Protein backbone atom coordinates (compact mmCIF):
# COMPACT_ATOMS: atom_id res chain seq x y z
CA UNK A 1 -28.84 2.12 -0.47
CA UNK A 2 -27.42 -1.29 -1.34
CA UNK A 3 -25.02 -3.95 -0.15
CA UNK A 4 -22.02 -3.97 -2.45
CA UNK A 5 -21.32 -7.23 -4.27
CA UNK A 6 -18.15 -8.96 -3.11
CA UNK A 7 -15.30 -8.60 -5.58
CA UNK A 8 -12.87 -11.51 -5.86
CA UNK A 9 -9.49 -11.28 -4.16
CA UNK A 10 -6.78 -10.44 -6.68
CA UNK A 11 -3.04 -10.98 -6.46
CA UNK A 12 -1.10 -7.80 -7.12
CA UNK A 13 1.21 -7.78 -10.16
CA UNK A 14 4.95 -8.56 -9.86
CA UNK A 15 5.79 -5.38 -11.79
CA UNK A 16 4.62 -3.39 -8.76
CA UNK A 17 4.99 -5.87 -5.86
CA UNK A 18 7.75 -8.25 -4.71
CA UNK A 19 6.46 -11.34 -2.91
CA UNK A 20 2.85 -12.34 -2.44
CA UNK A 21 0.37 -9.48 -1.96
CA UNK A 22 -3.42 -9.78 -2.25
CA UNK A 23 -6.07 -7.06 -2.59
CA UNK A 24 -9.76 -7.02 -1.66
CA UNK A 25 -11.66 -3.90 -2.79
CA UNK A 26 -13.92 -2.32 -0.16
CA UNK A 27 -15.11 0.85 -1.92
CA UNK A 28 -14.70 2.02 -5.51
CA UNK A 29 -16.22 5.03 -7.30
CA UNK A 30 -19.67 4.45 -8.82
CA UNK A 31 -20.80 7.93 -9.85
CA UNK A 32 -19.22 10.88 -11.65
CA UNK A 33 -17.32 13.02 -9.17
CA UNK A 34 -16.63 10.17 -6.75
CA UNK A 35 -12.93 9.52 -6.12
CA UNK A 36 -12.67 7.40 -2.93
CA UNK A 37 -10.90 4.04 -3.16
CA UNK A 38 -10.60 1.73 -0.15
CA UNK A 39 -9.11 -1.78 -0.11
CA UNK A 40 -7.80 -4.39 2.27
CA UNK A 41 -4.27 -5.41 1.27
CA UNK A 42 -2.53 -8.50 2.68
CA UNK A 43 1.24 -9.01 2.47
CA UNK A 44 3.13 -12.28 3.03
CA UNK A 45 6.21 -11.94 5.30
CA UNK A 46 8.76 -9.66 3.63
CA UNK A 47 6.49 -8.89 0.64
CA UNK A 48 6.62 -5.28 -0.48
CA UNK A 49 5.53 -2.69 -2.99
CA UNK A 50 7.82 -1.02 -5.47
CA UNK A 51 8.54 2.67 -4.93
CA UNK A 52 5.46 4.69 -5.78
CA UNK A 53 3.57 7.90 -5.05
CA UNK A 54 -0.07 8.96 -5.04
CA UNK A 55 -1.38 12.09 -6.72
CA UNK A 56 -3.62 12.95 -3.75
CA UNK A 57 -1.81 11.12 -0.94
CA UNK A 58 -2.80 7.95 0.89
CA UNK A 59 -3.82 6.70 4.34
CA UNK A 60 -2.86 3.19 5.44
CA UNK A 61 -4.37 1.62 8.59
CA UNK A 62 -2.50 -1.48 9.78
CA UNK A 63 -5.02 -4.06 11.00
CA UNK A 64 -2.80 -7.12 11.55
CA UNK A 65 0.91 -7.93 11.74
CA UNK A 66 3.66 -5.33 11.43
CA UNK A 67 3.86 -2.99 8.46
CA UNK A 68 7.12 -1.51 7.30
CA UNK A 69 7.03 1.81 5.48
CA UNK A 70 9.88 3.76 3.94
CA UNK A 71 10.58 7.01 2.13
CA UNK A 72 13.31 8.09 -0.27
CA UNK A 73 15.17 9.97 2.46
CA UNK A 74 15.97 6.60 4.10
CA UNK A 75 13.35 6.77 6.86
CA UNK A 76 11.96 3.28 7.56
CA UNK A 77 9.37 2.79 10.29
CA UNK A 78 7.41 -0.19 11.57
CA UNK A 79 3.70 0.38 12.11
CA UNK A 80 1.52 -1.80 14.35
CA UNK A 81 -2.18 -2.74 14.35
CA UNK A 82 -4.39 0.23 15.14
CA UNK A 83 -1.89 2.76 13.79
CA UNK A 84 -2.53 4.82 10.66
CA UNK A 85 0.21 6.24 8.47
CA UNK A 86 -0.29 9.07 5.98
CA UNK A 87 1.83 9.70 2.89
CA UNK A 88 1.29 13.17 1.39
CA UNK A 89 0.65 13.79 -2.32
CA UNK A 90 3.68 12.98 -4.47
CA UNK A 91 5.80 11.45 -1.67
CA UNK A 92 7.68 8.41 -2.99
CA UNK A 93 7.37 5.54 -0.52
CA UNK A 94 6.98 1.79 -0.12
CA UNK A 95 4.92 -0.44 2.16
CA UNK A 96 5.72 -3.98 3.19
CA UNK A 97 5.26 -6.70 5.76
CA UNK A 98 8.09 -6.78 8.27
CA UNK A 99 10.27 -9.92 8.06
CA UNK A 100 8.74 -13.00 9.63
CA UNK A 101 5.09 -11.93 9.78
CA UNK A 102 2.10 -11.34 7.59
CA UNK A 103 0.72 -7.80 7.48
CA UNK A 104 -2.69 -6.47 6.56
CA UNK A 105 -3.65 -2.85 6.05
CA UNK A 106 -6.61 -0.89 4.79
CA UNK A 107 -5.50 1.44 2.00
CA UNK A 108 -7.51 4.64 1.51
CA UNK A 109 -6.92 7.14 -1.28
CA UNK A 110 -8.65 9.41 -3.76
CA UNK A 111 -8.41 8.79 -7.47
CA UNK A 112 -7.19 11.71 -9.52
CA UNK A 113 -9.32 13.11 -12.32
CA UNK A 114 -7.65 10.45 -14.48
CA UNK A 115 -7.64 7.26 -12.36
CA UNK A 116 -4.79 5.89 -14.48
CA UNK A 117 -2.45 8.57 -13.04
CA UNK A 118 -3.59 8.28 -9.40
CA UNK A 119 -0.56 6.13 -8.53
CA UNK A 120 2.85 6.53 -10.16
CA UNK A 121 4.79 3.24 -9.99
CA UNK A 122 8.58 3.28 -10.01
CA UNK A 123 11.41 0.75 -9.55
CA UNK A 124 11.46 -2.06 -6.98
CA UNK A 125 13.09 -1.33 -3.63
CA UNK A 126 16.36 -3.03 -2.73
CA UNK A 127 16.87 -5.38 0.23
CA UNK A 128 18.97 -2.66 1.89
CA UNK A 129 16.17 -0.09 1.49
CA UNK A 130 13.72 -2.59 2.99
CA UNK A 131 15.95 -3.36 5.99
CA UNK A 132 18.77 -0.81 6.43
CA UNK A 133 20.00 -2.62 9.59
CA UNK A 134 20.43 -6.03 7.93
CA UNK A 135 24.08 -5.39 7.01
CA UNK A 136 24.99 -4.10 10.47
């Protein structure tokens, strides 16, 4: 048993995130056969991911602020602290901070057999996809 060394906070890349988003790893695989990845992710107001999917799905637990999550069918929901959202394997989605507030969530997923293919990154979401009511 050991206390894990703290990894430095990293800023997520603009190819996959719009706005300022920071990541702090909590748990990463150490041994063969381990696949669990857990991280705290912090989004500045309105910051968001690009469209993406996860080979084995993902759980996201909002811990602060208001998270906004959307799927390709146009569903956009706001998630509040203490709520957990699940995206099934292969479902294209985005996550973001709602306008006007920071958001923090704990991201939990399993790496695939090839960690490089665990997450498939796609194009950035549009402002209309982020907030379908903005033009109303």
